Amino acid sequence: SNTFTGFSNSLDLRLDQPIFTYNRRKLEYKEIEFNFENS
């Protein structure tokens, strides 16, 4: 017999951090910089 009609709100802060591996984002950025310099 329980029903719910109303509002809800969820506020979240999240950190995703790879560990024990190389920095893929930084490596990709440097490669694109080198591609531009090469061009």
Full PDB file with SEQRES, HELIX, SHEET, SSBOND, CRYST1, ORIGX, SCALE, CONECT and MASTER records, all heavy atoms in Angstrom:
SEQRES   1 A   39  SER ASN THR PHE THR GLY PHE SER ASN SER LEU ASP LEU          
SEQRES   2 A   39  ARG LEU ASP GLN PRO ILE PHE THR TYR ASN ARG ARG LYS          
SEQRES   3 A   39  LEU GLU TYR LYS GLU ILE GLU PHE ASN PHE GLU ASN SER          
HELIX    1 AA1 ARG A   24  ASN A   38  1                                  15    
CRYST1    1.000    1.000    1.000  90.00  90.00  90.00 P 1           1          
ORIGX1      1.000000  0.000000  0.000000        0.00000                         
ORIGX2      0.000000  1.000000  0.000000        0.00000                         
ORIGX3      0.000000  0.000000  1.000000        0.00000                         
SCALE1      1.000000  0.000000  0.000000        0.00000                         
SCALE2      0.000000  1.000000  0.000000        0.00000                         
SCALE3      0.000000  0.000000  1.000000        0.00000                         
ATOM      1  N   SER A   1       0.820  -1.212   0.000  1.00  0.00           N  
ATOM      2  CA  SER A   1       0.000   0.000   0.000  1.00  0.00           C  
ATOM      3  C   SER A   1       0.851   1.259   0.000  1.00  0.00           C  
ATOM      4  O   SER A   1       0.340   2.366  -0.155  1.00  0.00           O  
ATOM      5  CB  SER A   1      -0.908   0.012   1.253  1.00  0.00           C  
ATOM      6  OG  SER A   1      -0.115  -0.024   2.434  1.00  0.00           O  
ATOM      7  N   ASN A   2       2.171   1.072   0.180  1.00  0.00           N  
ATOM      8  CA  ASN A   2       3.086   2.209   0.191  1.00  0.00           C  
ATOM      9  C   ASN A   2       3.364   2.669  -1.237  1.00  0.00           C  
ATOM     10  O   ASN A   2       3.762   1.865  -2.102  1.00  0.00           O  
ATOM     11  CB  ASN A   2       4.398   1.849   0.872  1.00  0.00           C  
ATOM     12  CG  ASN A   2       4.199   1.556   2.350  1.00  0.00           C  
ATOM     13  OD1 ASN A   2       3.316   2.148   2.984  1.00  0.00           O  
ATOM     14  ND2 ASN A   2       5.001   0.654   2.898  1.00  0.00           N  
ATOM     15  N   THR A   3       3.169   3.891  -1.464  1.00  0.00           N  
ATOM     16  CA  THR A   3       3.491   4.514  -2.758  1.00  0.00           C  
ATOM     17  C   THR A   3       4.317   5.760  -2.500  1.00  0.00           C  
ATOM     18  O   THR A   3       4.338   6.290  -1.382  1.00  0.00           O  
ATOM     19  CB  THR A   3       2.216   4.878  -3.539  1.00  0.00           C  
ATOM     20  OG1 THR A   3       1.487   5.851  -2.787  1.00  0.00           O  
ATOM     21  CG2 THR A   3       1.357   3.649  -3.812  1.00  0.00           C  
ATOM     22  N   PHE A   4       4.983   6.207  -3.562  1.00  0.00           N  
ATOM     23  CA  PHE A   4       5.776   7.426  -3.408  1.00  0.00           C  
ATOM     24  C   PHE A   4       5.594   8.290  -4.638  1.00  0.00           C  
ATOM     25  O   PHE A   4       5.777   7.833  -5.775  1.00  0.00           O  
ATOM     26  CB  PHE A   4       7.265   7.126  -3.220  1.00  0.00           C  
ATOM     27  CG  PHE A   4       8.111   8.373  -3.165  1.00  0.00           C  
ATOM     28  CD1 PHE A   4       8.155   9.138  -2.005  1.00  0.00           C  
ATOM     29  CD2 PHE A   4       8.827   8.815  -4.276  1.00  0.00           C  
ATOM     30  CE1 PHE A   4       8.917  10.302  -1.951  1.00  0.00           C  
ATOM     31  CE2 PHE A   4       9.582   9.970  -4.221  1.00  0.00           C  
ATOM     32  CZ  PHE A   4       9.633  10.721  -3.044  1.00  0.00           C  
ATOM     33  N   THR A   5       5.243   9.481  -4.398  1.00  0.00           N  
ATOM     34  CA  THR A   5       5.150  10.479  -5.453  1.00  0.00           C  
ATOM     35  C   THR A   5       5.866  11.727  -4.946  1.00  0.00           C  
ATOM     36  O   THR A   5       5.448  12.332  -3.953  1.00  0.00           O  
ATOM     37  CB  THR A   5       3.696  10.815  -5.804  1.00  0.00           C  
ATOM     38  OG1 THR A   5       3.023   9.637  -6.235  1.00  0.00           O  
ATOM     39  CG2 THR A   5       3.644  11.867  -6.907  1.00  0.00           C  
ATOM     40  N   GLY A   6       6.945  12.082  -5.628  1.00  0.00           N  
ATOM     41  CA  GLY A   6       7.683  13.252  -5.163  1.00  0.00           C  
ATOM     42  C   GLY A   6       8.989  13.453  -5.919  1.00  0.00           C  
ATOM     43  O   GLY A   6       9.180  12.921  -7.021  1.00  0.00           O  
ATOM     44  N   PHE A   7       9.910  14.179  -5.286  1.00  0.00           N  
ATOM     45  CA  PHE A   7      11.137  14.600  -5.929  1.00  0.00           C  
ATOM     46  C   PHE A   7      12.346  13.940  -5.263  1.00  0.00           C  
ATOM     47  O   PHE A   7      12.306  13.568  -4.092  1.00  0.00           O  
ATOM     48  CB  PHE A   7      11.283  16.124  -5.845  1.00  0.00           C  
ATOM     49  CG  PHE A   7      10.174  16.875  -6.497  1.00  0.00           C  
ATOM     50  CD1 PHE A   7       9.033  17.235  -5.758  1.00  0.00           C  
ATOM     51  CD2 PHE A   7      10.235  17.213  -7.831  1.00  0.00           C  
ATOM     52  CE1 PHE A   7       8.003  17.941  -6.362  1.00  0.00           C  
ATOM     53  CE2 PHE A   7       9.209  17.926  -8.438  1.00  0.00           C  
ATOM     54  CZ  PHE A   7       8.085  18.282  -7.715  1.00  0.00           C  
ATOM     55  N   SER A   8      13.435  13.827  -6.032  1.00  0.00           N  
ATOM     56  CA  SER A   8      14.691  13.290  -5.487  1.00  0.00           C  
ATOM     57  C   SER A   8      15.860  14.030  -6.122  1.00  0.00           C  
ATOM     58  O   SER A   8      15.766  14.522  -7.254  1.00  0.00           O  
ATOM     59  CB  SER A   8      14.816  11.780  -5.753  1.00  0.00           C  
ATOM     60  OG  SER A   8      14.889  11.519  -7.147  1.00  0.00           O  
ATOM     61  N   ASN A   9      16.963  14.055  -5.386  1.00  0.00           N  
ATOM     62  CA  ASN A   9      18.162  14.723  -5.905  1.00  0.00           C  
ATOM     63  C   ASN A   9      19.398  14.012  -5.349  1.00  0.00           C  
ATOM     64  O   ASN A   9      19.467  13.678  -4.169  1.00  0.00           O  
ATOM     65  CB  ASN A   9      18.199  16.195  -5.506  1.00  0.00           C  
ATOM     66  CG  ASN A   9      19.266  16.958  -6.274  1.00  0.00           C  
ATOM     67  OD1 ASN A   9      19.027  17.358  -7.404  1.00  0.00           O  
ATOM     68  ND2 ASN A   9      20.428  17.169  -5.673  1.00  0.00           N  
ATOM     69  N   SER A  10      20.381  13.763  -6.274  1.00  0.00           N  
ATOM     70  CA  SER A  10      21.614  13.083  -5.878  1.00  0.00           C  
ATOM     71  C   SER A  10      22.795  13.906  -6.360  1.00  0.00           C  
ATOM     72  O   SER A  10      22.950  14.151  -7.570  1.00  0.00           O  
ATOM     73  CB  SER A  10      21.669  11.669  -6.480  1.00  0.00           C  
ATOM     74  OG  SER A  10      22.870  11.020  -6.130  1.00  0.00           O  
ATOM     75  N   LEU A  11      23.651  14.352  -5.441  1.00  0.00           N  
ATOM     76  CA  LEU A  11      24.847  15.134  -5.760  1.00  0.00           C  
ATOM     77  C   LEU A  11      26.071  14.296  -5.432  1.00  0.00           C  
ATOM     78  O   LEU A  11      26.246  13.861  -4.289  1.00  0.00           O  
ATOM     79  CB  LEU A  11      24.852  16.435  -4.953  1.00  0.00           C  
ATOM     80  CG  LEU A  11      26.062  17.359  -5.155  1.00  0.00           C  
ATOM     81  CD1 LEU A  11      26.117  17.862  -6.588  1.00  0.00           C  
ATOM     82  CD2 LEU A  11      26.014  18.522  -4.165  1.00  0.00           C  
ATOM     83  N   ASP A  12      26.938  14.043  -6.437  1.00  0.00           N  
ATOM     84  CA  ASP A  12      28.072  13.134  -6.258  1.00  0.00           C  
ATOM     85  C   ASP A  12      29.354  13.758  -6.791  1.00  0.00           C  
ATOM     86  O   ASP A  12      29.369  14.404  -7.843  1.00  0.00           O  
ATOM     87  CB  ASP A  12      27.823  11.810  -6.994  1.00  0.00           C  
ATOM     88  CG  ASP A  12      26.611  11.071  -6.458  1.00  0.00           C  
ATOM     89  OD1 ASP A  12      26.645  10.648  -5.297  1.00  0.00           O  
ATOM     90  OD2 ASP A  12      25.615  10.945  -7.207  1.00  0.00           O  
ATOM     91  N   LEU A  13      30.451  13.499  -6.064  1.00  0.00           N  
ATOM     92  CA  LEU A  13      31.807  13.870  -6.483  1.00  0.00           C  
ATOM     93  C   LEU A  13      32.612  12.588  -6.604  1.00  0.00           C  
ATOM     94  O   LEU A  13      32.678  11.801  -5.673  1.00  0.00           O  
ATOM     95  CB  LEU A  13      32.450  14.808  -5.461  1.00  0.00           C  
ATOM     96  CG  LEU A  13      33.887  15.255  -5.777  1.00  0.00           C  
ATOM     97  CD1 LEU A  13      33.927  16.111  -7.035  1.00  0.00           C  
ATOM     98  CD2 LEU A  13      34.483  16.012  -4.585  1.00  0.00           C  
ATOM     99  N   ARG A  14      33.280  12.392  -7.805  1.00  0.00           N  
ATOM    100  CA  ARG A  14      33.935  11.104  -8.075  1.00  0.00           C  
ATOM    101  C   ARG A  14      35.324  11.327  -8.656  1.00  0.00           C  
ATOM    102  O   ARG A  14      35.539  12.241  -9.465  1.00  0.00           O  
ATOM    103  CB  ARG A  14      33.085  10.281  -9.058  1.00  0.00           C  
ATOM    104  CG  ARG A  14      33.661   8.906  -9.393  1.00  0.00           C  
ATOM    105  CD  ARG A  14      32.788   8.170 -10.398  1.00  0.00           C  
ATOM    106  NE  ARG A  14      33.327   6.858 -10.718  1.00  0.00           N  
ATOM    107  CZ  ARG A  14      33.070   5.753 -10.044  1.00  0.00           C  
ATOM    108  NH1 ARG A  14      32.257   5.798  -8.992  1.00  0.00           N  
ATOM    109  NH2 ARG A  14      33.592   4.594 -10.390  1.00  0.00           N  
ATOM    110  N   LEU A  15      36.257  10.496  -8.237  1.00  0.00           N  
ATOM    111  CA  LEU A  15      37.612  10.488  -8.789  1.00  0.00           C  
ATOM    112  C   LEU A  15      37.921   9.096  -9.291  1.00  0.00           C  
ATOM    113  O   LEU A  15      37.827   8.115  -8.553  1.00  0.00           O  
ATOM    114  CB  LEU A  15      38.639  10.895  -7.728  1.00  0.00           C  
ATOM    115  CG  LEU A  15      40.111  10.747  -8.139  1.00  0.00           C  
ATOM    116  CD1 LEU A  15      40.457  11.700  -9.284  1.00  0.00           C  
ATOM    117  CD2 LEU A  15      41.046  10.981  -6.952  1.00  0.00           C  
ATOM    118  N   ASP A  16      38.303   9.005 -10.581  1.00  0.00           N  
ATOM    119  CA  ASP A  16      38.775   7.747 -11.173  1.00  0.00           C  
ATOM    120  C   ASP A  16      40.249   7.914 -11.495  1.00  0.00           C  
ATOM    121  O   ASP A  16      40.624   8.789 -12.304  1.00  0.00           O  
ATOM    122  CB  ASP A  16      37.988   7.421 -12.446  1.00  0.00           C  
ATOM    123  CG  ASP A  16      36.572   6.969 -12.150  1.00  0.00           C  
ATOM    124  OD1 ASP A  16      36.403   5.819 -11.729  1.00  0.00           O  
ATOM    125  OD2 ASP A  16      35.637   7.789 -12.334  1.00  0.00           O  
ATOM    126  N   GLN A  17      41.093   7.083 -10.896  1.00  0.00           N  
ATOM    127  CA  GLN A  17      42.537   7.227 -11.046  1.00  0.00           C  
ATOM    128  C   GLN A  17      43.189   5.887 -11.365  1.00  0.00           C  
ATOM    129  O   GLN A  17      43.230   4.989 -10.528  1.00  0.00           O  
ATOM    130  CB  GLN A  17      43.141   7.801  -9.767  1.00  0.00           C  
ATOM    131  CG  GLN A  17      44.661   7.946  -9.800  1.00  0.00           C  
ATOM    132  CD  GLN A  17      45.098   8.874 -10.904  1.00  0.00           C  
ATOM    133  OE1 GLN A  17      44.702  10.031 -10.944  1.00  0.00           O  
ATOM    134  NE2 GLN A  17      45.923   8.361 -11.832  1.00  0.00           N  
ATOM    135  N   PRO A  18      43.737   5.749 -12.627  1.00  0.00           N  
ATOM    136  CA  PRO A  18      44.522   4.547 -12.923  1.00  0.00           C  
ATOM    137  C   PRO A  18      45.822   4.546 -12.126  1.00  0.00           C  
ATOM    138  O   PRO A  18      46.423   5.601 -11.910  1.00  0.00           O  
ATOM    139  CB  PRO A  18      44.788   4.659 -14.430  1.00  0.00           C  
ATOM    140  CG  PRO A  18      43.820   5.687 -14.938  1.00  0.00           C  
ATOM    141  CD  PRO A  18      43.566   6.614 -13.794  1.00  0.00           C  
ATOM    142  N   ILE A  19      46.264   3.374 -11.712  1.00  0.00           N  
ATOM    143  CA  ILE A  19      47.525   3.267 -10.964  1.00  0.00           C  
ATOM    144  C   ILE A  19      48.332   2.105 -11.513  1.00  0.00           C  
ATOM    145  O   ILE A  19      47.794   1.215 -12.189  1.00  0.00           O  
ATOM    146  CB  ILE A  19      47.273   3.087  -9.445  1.00  0.00           C  
ATOM    147  CG1 ILE A  19      46.324   1.904  -9.205  1.00  0.00           C  
ATOM    148  CG2 ILE A  19      46.702   4.356  -8.835  1.00  0.00           C  
ATOM    149  CD1 ILE A  19      46.064   1.630  -7.726  1.00  0.00           C  
ATOM    150  N   PHE A  20      49.627   2.118 -11.229  1.00  0.00           N  
ATOM    151  CA  PHE A  20      50.572   1.077 -11.668  1.00  0.00           C  
ATOM    152  C   PHE A  20      50.626   0.972 -13.193  1.00  0.00           C  
ATOM    153  O   PHE A  20      50.812  -0.131 -13.736  1.00  0.00           O  
ATOM    154  CB  PHE A  20      50.209  -0.293 -11.064  1.00  0.00           C  
ATOM    155  CG  PHE A  20      50.017  -0.287  -9.586  1.00  0.00           C  
ATOM    156  CD1 PHE A  20      48.876  -0.817  -9.010  1.00  0.00           C  
ATOM    157  CD2 PHE A  20      50.968   0.273  -8.742  1.00  0.00           C  
ATOM    158  CE1 PHE A  20      48.694  -0.805  -7.637  1.00  0.00           C  
ATOM    159  CE2 PHE A  20      50.803   0.297  -7.367  1.00  0.00           C  
ATOM    160  CZ  PHE A  20      49.649  -0.243  -6.809  1.00  0.00           C  
ATOM    161  N   THR A  21      50.448   2.084 -13.900  1.00  0.00           N  
ATOM    162  CA  THR A  21      50.510   2.065 -15.354  1.00  0.00           C  
ATOM    163  C   THR A  21      50.999   3.418 -15.839  1.00  0.00           C  
ATOM    164  O   THR A  21      51.159   4.362 -15.061  1.00  0.00           O  
ATOM    165  CB  THR A  21      49.126   1.740 -15.966  1.00  0.00           C  
ATOM    166  OG1 THR A  21      49.252   1.598 -17.387  1.00  0.00           O  
ATOM    167  CG2 THR A  21      48.116   2.845 -15.659  1.00  0.00           C  
ATOM    168  N   TYR A  22      51.274   3.543 -17.153  1.00  0.00           N  
ATOM    169  CA  TYR A  22      51.782   4.797 -17.693  1.00  0.00           C  
ATOM    170  C   TYR A  22      50.634   5.775 -17.953  1.00  0.00           C  
ATOM    171  O   TYR A  22      49.458   5.393 -18.020  1.00  0.00           O  
ATOM    172  CB  TYR A  22      52.587   4.550 -18.976  1.00  0.00           C  
ATOM    173  CG  TYR A  22      51.751   4.157 -20.181  1.00  0.00           C  
ATOM    174  CD1 TYR A  22      51.317   5.119 -21.105  1.00  0.00           C  
ATOM    175  CD2 TYR A  22      51.412   2.823 -20.420  1.00  0.00           C  
ATOM    176  CE1 TYR A  22      50.569   4.772 -22.203  1.00  0.00           C  
ATOM    177  CE2 TYR A  22      50.672   2.465 -21.524  1.00  0.00           C  
ATOM    178  CZ  TYR A  22      50.250   3.436 -22.414  1.00  0.00           C  
ATOM    179  OH  TYR A  22      49.487   3.078 -23.506  1.00  0.00           O  
ATOM    180  N   ASN A  23      50.976   7.021 -18.096  1.00  0.00           N  
ATOM    181  CA  ASN A  23      49.997   8.091 -18.296  1.00  0.00           C  
ATOM    182  C   ASN A  23      49.601   8.147 -19.773  1.00  0.00           C  
ATOM    183  O   ASN A  23      50.281   8.755 -20.603  1.00  0.00           O  
ATOM    184  CB  ASN A  23      50.589   9.440 -17.848  1.00  0.00           C  
ATOM    185  CG  ASN A  23      49.551  10.536 -17.767  1.00  0.00           C  
ATOM    186  OD1 ASN A  23      48.596  10.551 -18.520  1.00  0.00           O  
ATOM    187  ND2 ASN A  23      49.756  11.458 -16.838  1.00  0.00           N  
ATOM    188  N   ARG A  24      48.510   7.518 -20.110  1.00  0.00           N  
ATOM    189  CA  ARG A  24      48.070   7.447 -21.501  1.00  0.00           C  
ATOM    190  C   ARG A  24      47.673   8.815 -22.057  1.00  0.00           C  
ATOM    191  O   ARG A  24      47.974   9.126 -23.219  1.00  0.00           O  
ATOM    192  CB  ARG A  24      46.899   6.474 -21.626  1.00  0.00           C  
ATOM    193  CG  ARG A  24      47.299   5.026 -21.504  1.00  0.00           C  
ATOM    194  CD  ARG A  24      46.109   4.101 -21.341  1.00  0.00           C  
ATOM    195  NE  ARG A  24      46.495   2.698 -21.467  1.00  0.00           N  
ATOM    196  CZ  ARG A  24      47.078   1.997 -20.496  1.00  0.00           C  
ATOM    197  NH1 ARG A  24      47.342   2.576 -19.324  1.00  0.00           N  
ATOM    198  NH2 ARG A  24      47.405   0.735 -20.684  1.00  0.00           N  
ATOM    199  N   ARG A  25      47.014   9.602 -21.264  1.00  0.00           N  
ATOM    200  CA  ARG A  25      46.547  10.907 -21.744  1.00  0.00           C  
ATOM    201  C   ARG A  25      47.737  11.825 -22.065  1.00  0.00           C  
ATOM    202  O   ARG A  25      47.752  12.507 -23.093  1.00  0.00           O  
ATOM    203  CB  ARG A  25      45.644  11.558 -20.694  1.00  0.00           C  
ATOM    204  CG  ARG A  25      45.064  12.906 -21.129  1.00  0.00           C  
ATOM    205  CD  ARG A  25      44.047  13.437 -20.135  1.00  0.00           C  
ATOM    206  NE  ARG A  25      42.754  12.770 -20.273  1.00  0.00           N  
ATOM    207  CZ  ARG A  25      42.271  11.863 -19.429  1.00  0.00           C  
ATOM    208  NH1 ARG A  25      42.986  11.501 -18.367  1.00  0.00           N  
ATOM    209  NH2 ARG A  25      41.094  11.316 -19.614  1.00  0.00           N  
ATOM    210  N   LYS A  26      48.734  11.833 -21.215  1.00  0.00           N  
ATOM    211  CA  LYS A  26      49.908  12.677 -21.440  1.00  0.00           C  
ATOM    212  C   LYS A  26      50.703  12.200 -22.649  1.00  0.00           C  
ATOM    213  O   LYS A  26      51.203  13.014 -23.446  1.00  0.00           O  
ATOM    214  CB  LYS A  26      50.792  12.671 -20.190  1.00  0.00           C  
ATOM    215  CG  LYS A  26      51.925  13.693 -20.221  1.00  0.00           C  
ATOM    216  CD  LYS A  26      52.646  13.736 -18.877  1.00  0.00           C  
ATOM    217  CE  LYS A  26      53.729  14.807 -18.872  1.00  0.00           C  
ATOM    218  NZ  LYS A  26      54.420  14.886 -17.559  1.00  0.00           N  
ATOM    219  N   LEU A  27      50.814  10.896 -22.808  1.00  0.00           N  
ATOM    220  CA  LEU A  27      51.538  10.335 -23.941  1.00  0.00           C  
ATOM    221  C   LEU A  27      50.840  10.698 -25.253  1.00  0.00           C  
ATOM    222  O   LEU A  27      51.491  11.089 -26.240  1.00  0.00           O  
ATOM    223  CB  LEU A  27      51.646   8.814 -23.800  1.00  0.00           C  
ATOM    224  CG  LEU A  27      52.488   8.094 -24.852  1.00  0.00           C  
ATOM    225  CD1 LEU A  27      53.944   8.527 -24.773  1.00  0.00           C  
ATOM    226  CD2 LEU A  27      52.379   6.590 -24.676  1.00  0.00           C  
ATOM    227  N   GLU A  28      49.529  10.593 -25.280  1.00  0.00           N  
ATOM    228  CA  GLU A  28      48.774  10.935 -26.485  1.00  0.00           C  
ATOM    229  C   GLU A  28      48.931  12.414 -26.826  1.00  0.00           C  
ATOM    230  O   GLU A  28      49.075  12.785 -27.996  1.00  0.00           O  
ATOM    231  CB  GLU A  28      47.295  10.594 -26.280  1.00  0.00           C  
ATOM    232  CG  GLU A  28      46.429  10.875 -27.497  1.00  0.00           C  
ATOM    233  CD  GLU A  28      44.970  10.540 -27.259  1.00  0.00           C  
ATOM    234  OE1 GLU A  28      44.622  10.162 -26.114  1.00  0.00           O  
ATOM    235  OE2 GLU A  28      44.163  10.670 -28.200  1.00  0.00           O  
ATOM    236  N   TYR A  29      48.919  13.253 -25.805  1.00  0.00           N  
ATOM    237  CA  TYR A  29      49.069  14.688 -26.038  1.00  0.00           C  
ATOM    238  C   TYR A  29      50.443  15.006 -26.641  1.00  0.00           C  
ATOM    239  O   TYR A  29      50.563  15.812 -27.583  1.00  0.00           O  
ATOM    240  CB  TYR A  29      48.884  15.432 -24.715  1.00  0.00           C  
ATOM    241  CG  TYR A  29      48.993  16.935 -24.843  1.00  0.00           C  
ATOM    242  CD1 TYR A  29      47.956  17.685 -25.385  1.00  0.00           C  
ATOM    243  CD2 TYR A  29      50.149  17.594 -24.415  1.00  0.00           C  
ATOM    244  CE1 TYR A  29      48.056  19.055 -25.500  1.00  0.00           C  
ATOM    245  CE2 TYR A  29      50.248  18.964 -24.536  1.00  0.00           C  
ATOM    246  CZ  TYR A  29      49.204  19.696 -25.077  1.00  0.00           C  
ATOM    247  OH  TYR A  29      49.310  21.054 -25.202  1.00  0.00           O  
ATOM    248  N   LYS A  30      51.497  14.383 -26.109  1.00  0.00           N  
ATOM    249  CA  LYS A  30      52.842  14.624 -26.639  1.00  0.00           C  
ATOM    250  C   LYS A  30      52.961  14.131 -28.079  1.00  0.00           C  
ATOM    251  O   LYS A  30      53.615  14.774 -28.904  1.00  0.00           O  
ATOM    252  CB  LYS A  30      53.880  13.929 -25.756  1.00  0.00           C  
ATOM    253  CG  LYS A  30      54.049  14.524 -24.367  1.00  0.00           C  
ATOM    254  CD  LYS A  30      54.544  15.959 -24.431  1.00  0.00           C  
ATOM    255  CE  LYS A  30      55.932  16.070 -25.013  1.00  0.00           C  
ATOM    256  NZ  LYS A  30      56.440  17.464 -25.047  1.00  0.00           N  
ATOM    257  N   GLU A  31      52.329  13.006 -28.387  1.00  0.00           N  
ATOM    258  CA  GLU A  31      52.377  12.501 -29.757  1.00  0.00           C  
ATOM    259  C   GLU A  31      51.712  13.468 -30.728  1.00  0.00           C  
ATOM    260  O   GLU A  31      52.224  13.698 -31.835  1.00  0.00           O  
ATOM    261  CB  GLU A  31      51.700  11.132 -29.834  1.00  0.00           C  
ATOM    262  CG  GLU A  31      52.548   9.994 -29.318  1.00  0.00           C  
ATOM    263  CD  GLU A  31      51.898   8.646 -29.541  1.00  0.00           C  
ATOM    264  OE1 GLU A  31      50.669   8.544 -29.353  1.00  0.00           O  
ATOM    265  OE2 GLU A  31      52.612   7.698 -29.918  1.00  0.00           O  
ATOM    266  N   ILE A  32      50.597  14.037 -30.335  1.00  0.00           N  
ATOM    267  CA  ILE A  32      49.916  14.989 -31.211  1.00  0.00           C  
ATOM    268  C   ILE A  32      50.759  16.245 -31.373  1.00  0.00           C  
ATOM    269  O   ILE A  32      50.829  16.836 -32.459  1.00  0.00           O  
ATOM    270  CB  ILE A  32      48.519  15.319 -30.642  1.00  0.00           C  
ATOM    271  CG1 ILE A  32      47.624  14.078 -30.702  1.00  0.00           C  
ATOM    272  CG2 ILE A  32      47.866  16.464 -31.411  1.00  0.00           C  
ATOM    273  CD1 ILE A  32      46.256  14.270 -30.106  1.00  0.00           C  
ATOM    274  N   GLU A  33      51.443  16.679 -30.317  1.00  0.00           N  
ATOM    275  CA  GLU A  33      52.355  17.814 -30.424  1.00  0.00           C  
ATOM    276  C   GLU A  33      53.474  17.524 -31.424  1.00  0.00           C  
ATOM    277  O   GLU A  33      53.827  18.372 -32.253  1.00  0.00           O  
ATOM    278  CB  GLU A  33      52.959  18.133 -29.055  1.00  0.00           C  
ATOM    279  CG  GLU A  33      52.082  18.973 -28.153  1.00  0.00           C  
ATOM    280  CD  GLU A  33      52.810  19.456 -26.912  1.00  0.00           C  
ATOM    281  OE1 GLU A  33      53.670  18.708 -26.405  1.00  0.00           O  
ATOM    282  OE2 GLU A  33      52.513  20.562 -26.445  1.00  0.00           O  
ATOM    283  N   PHE A  34      54.033  16.324 -31.349  1.00  0.00           N  
ATOM    284  CA  PHE A  34      55.100  15.951 -32.278  1.00  0.00           C  
ATOM    285  C   PHE A  34      54.576  15.855 -33.712  1.00  0.00           C  
ATOM    286  O   PHE A  34      55.268  16.226 -34.663  1.00  0.00           O  
ATOM    287  CB  PHE A  34      55.734  14.629 -31.859  1.00  0.00           C  
ATOM    288  CG  PHE A  34      56.690  14.755 -30.702  1.00  0.00           C  
ATOM    289  CD1 PHE A  34      56.714  13.809 -29.694  1.00  0.00           C  
ATOM    290  CD2 PHE A  34      57.560  15.821 -30.618  1.00  0.00           C  
ATOM    291  CE1 PHE A  34      57.580  13.925 -28.616  1.00  0.00           C  
ATOM    292  CE2 PHE A  34      58.437  15.948 -29.555  1.00  0.00           C  
ATOM    293  CZ  PHE A  34      58.445  15.002 -28.554  1.00  0.00           C  
ATOM    294  N   ASN A  35      53.361  15.355 -33.888  1.00  0.00           N  
ATOM    295  CA  ASN A  35      52.771  15.289 -35.227  1.00  0.00           C  
ATOM    296  C   ASN A  35      52.620  16.682 -35.821  1.00  0.00           C  
ATOM    297  O   ASN A  35      52.875  16.895 -37.012  1.00  0.00           O  
ATOM    298  CB  ASN A  35      51.406  14.592 -35.176  1.00  0.00           C  
ATOM    299  CG  ASN A  35      51.524  13.101 -34.931  1.00  0.00           C  
ATOM    300  OD1 ASN A  35      52.581  12.512 -35.161  1.00  0.00           O  
ATOM    301  ND2 ASN A  35      50.467  12.493 -34.456  1.00  0.00           N  
ATOM    302  N   PHE A  36      52.204  17.612 -34.992  1.00  0.00           N  
ATOM    303  CA  PHE A  36      52.056  18.985 -35.469  1.00  0.00           C  
ATOM    304  C   PHE A  36      53.415  19.586 -35.830  1.00  0.00           C  
ATOM    305  O   PHE A  36      53.570  20.212 -36.883  1.00  0.00           O  
ATOM    306  CB  PHE A  36      51.359  19.830 -34.403  1.00  0.00           C  
ATOM    307  CG  PHE A  36      51.259  21.281 -34.764  1.00  0.00           C  
ATOM    308  CD1 PHE A  36      50.581  21.687 -35.903  1.00  0.00           C  
ATOM    309  CD2 PHE A  36      51.860  22.238 -33.971  1.00  0.00           C  
ATOM    310  CE1 PHE A  36      50.495  23.028 -36.246  1.00  0.00           C  
ATOM    311  CE2 PHE A  36      51.776  23.587 -34.304  1.00  0.00           C  
ATOM    312  CZ  PHE A  36      51.095  23.983 -35.443  1.00  0.00           C  
ATOM    313  N   GLU A  37      54.400  19.376 -34.966  1.00  0.00           N  
ATOM    314  CA  GLU A  37      55.741  19.897 -35.261  1.00  0.00           C  
ATOM    315  C   GLU A  37      56.299  19.269 -36.532  1.00  0.00           C  
ATOM    316  O   GLU A  37      56.910  19.944 -37.362  1.00  0.00           O  
ATOM    317  CB  GLU A  37      56.679  19.628 -34.082  1.00  0.00           C  
ATOM    318  CG  GLU A  37      58.075  20.201 -34.286  1.00  0.00           C  
ATOM    319  CD  GLU A  37      59.029  19.892 -33.146  1.00  0.00           C  
ATOM    320  OE1 GLU A  37      58.589  19.250 -32.161  1.00  0.00           O  
ATOM    321  OE2 GLU A  37      60.204  20.279 -33.234  1.00  0.00           O  
ATOM    322  N   ASN A  38      56.049  17.974 -36.697  1.00  0.00           N  
ATOM    323  CA  ASN A  38      56.536  17.280 -37.888  1.00  0.00           C  
ATOM    324  C   ASN A  38      55.866  17.827 -39.143  1.00  0.00           C  
ATOM    325  O   ASN A  38      56.502  17.964 -40.199  1.00  0.00           O  
ATOM    326  CB  ASN A  38      56.267  15.779 -37.753  1.00  0.00           C  
ATOM    327  CG  ASN A  38      57.211  14.952 -38.608  1.00  0.00           C  
ATOM    328  OD1 ASN A  38      58.296  15.401 -38.976  1.00  0.00           O  
ATOM    329  ND2 ASN A  38      56.789  13.757 -38.942  1.00  0.00           N  
ATOM    330  N   SER A  39      54.576  18.131 -39.061  1.00  0.00           N  
ATOM    331  CA  SER A  39      53.869  18.691 -40.214  1.00  0.00           C  
ATOM    332  C   SER A  39      54.381  20.095 -40.532  1.00  0.00           C  
ATOM    333  O   SER A  39      54.444  20.487 -41.706  1.00  0.00           O  
ATOM    334  CB  SER A  39      52.361  18.714 -39.959  1.00  0.00           C  
ATOM    335  OG  SER A  39      52.028  19.571 -38.891  1.00  0.00           O  
TER     336      SER A  39                                                      
MASTER        0    0    0    1    0    0    0    6  335    1    0    3          
END                                                                             
